[in-house]
Amino acid sequence: MGLIQAALESQGIATVSVSVSEEISRKVGPPRVLFTPFPFGYPLGRPNDPALQDRIIRKTLELLDTDGPGPLYAKFDG
């Protein structure tokens, strides 16, 4: 996804991703990432928890409003 993000960003399209692996994401270097503390396969948390998923999506979308030098990494804290 980080490579796709880079291609989109080069065309002026802002992107953000949600990742459960900070180590892998930092190696790829996407422009904006929200790290979540959940297991692989569950970046938006527990199934059937729409309140939690809504908070994660809102936090992710907030990152689109940011622009600055270098990548922007944020952690979801609940």
Protein backbone atom coordinates (compact mmCIF):
# COMPACT_ATOMS: atom_id res chain seq x y z
CA MET A 1 0.00 0.00 0.00
CA GLY A 2 2.82 2.42 0.71
CA LEU A 3 3.99 2.23 -2.90
CA ILE A 4 0.46 2.91 -4.16
CA GLN A 5 0.19 5.81 -1.74
CA ALA A 6 3.42 7.29 -3.09
CA ALA A 7 2.12 7.08 -6.66
CA LEU A 8 -1.17 8.73 -5.73
CA GLU A 9 0.55 11.44 -3.70
CA SER A 10 2.80 12.25 -6.67
CA GLN A 11 -0.40 13.07 -8.57
CA GLY A 12 -1.63 15.40 -5.82
CA ILE A 13 -4.03 12.94 -4.20
CA ALA A 14 -3.69 12.83 -0.41
CA THR A 15 -3.65 9.35 1.12
CA VAL A 16 -3.58 7.78 4.55
CA SER A 17 -3.36 4.16 5.64
CA VAL A 18 -4.18 2.18 8.75
CA SER A 19 -1.49 -0.26 9.86
CA VAL A 20 -1.05 -2.83 12.59
CA SER A 21 2.70 -3.10 11.94
CA GLU A 22 4.65 0.02 12.72
CA GLU A 23 7.95 -1.69 11.91
CA ILE A 24 6.92 -2.69 8.38
CA SER A 25 5.17 0.59 7.63
CA ARG A 26 8.15 2.67 8.66
CA LYS A 27 10.36 0.67 6.28
CA VAL A 28 8.01 1.35 3.36
CA GLY A 29 7.58 5.00 4.35
CA PRO A 30 4.02 5.95 3.34
CA PRO A 31 3.19 9.66 3.76
CA ARG A 32 0.49 9.28 6.45
CA VAL A 33 -0.20 6.27 8.67
CA LEU A 34 -2.38 5.58 11.68
CA PHE A 35 -1.01 2.68 13.70
CA THR A 36 -3.55 0.60 15.61
CA PRO A 37 -2.75 -1.87 18.41
CA PHE A 38 -4.69 -4.79 16.96
CA PRO A 39 -3.63 -8.15 15.46
CA PHE A 40 -2.92 -8.65 11.76
CA GLY A 41 -6.15 -8.78 9.79
CA TYR A 42 -7.99 -6.48 12.20
CA PRO A 43 -6.69 -2.94 11.63
CA LEU A 44 -10.07 -1.50 12.68
CA GLY A 45 -10.27 -3.54 15.86
CA ARG A 46 -12.76 -6.09 17.04
CA PRO A 47 -15.51 -7.26 14.69
CA ASN A 48 -18.98 -5.93 15.47
CA ASP A 49 -17.68 -2.91 17.38
CA PRO A 50 -18.94 -0.01 15.26
CA ALA A 51 -18.21 2.61 17.92
CA LEU A 52 -14.52 1.65 18.00
CA GLN A 53 -14.34 1.41 14.21
CA ASP A 54 -15.95 4.84 13.87
CA ARG A 55 -13.31 6.38 16.18
CA ILE A 56 -10.50 4.76 14.17
CA ILE A 57 -11.90 5.94 10.84
CA ARG A 58 -12.41 9.48 12.15
CA LYS A 59 -8.83 9.60 13.47
CA THR A 60 -7.59 8.29 10.12
CA LEU A 61 -9.49 10.96 8.20
CA GLU A 62 -8.08 13.67 10.51
CA LEU A 63 -4.64 12.77 9.19
CA LEU A 64 -5.74 13.79 5.70
CA ASP A 65 -6.11 17.36 6.94
CA THR A 66 -2.43 17.49 7.84
CA ASP A 67 0.32 18.42 5.47
CA GLY A 68 3.94 18.93 6.17
CA PRO A 69 7.43 17.79 5.45
CA GLY A 70 8.16 14.11 5.72
CA PRO A 71 5.87 11.28 6.70
CA LEU A 72 3.26 11.70 9.41
CA TYR A 73 2.79 8.79 11.78
CA ALA A 74 0.12 8.69 14.48
CA LYS A 75 -0.94 6.06 16.98
CA PHE A 76 -4.54 5.27 17.81
CA ASP A 77 -4.91 5.36 21.56
CA GLY A 78 -8.55 4.44 21.85
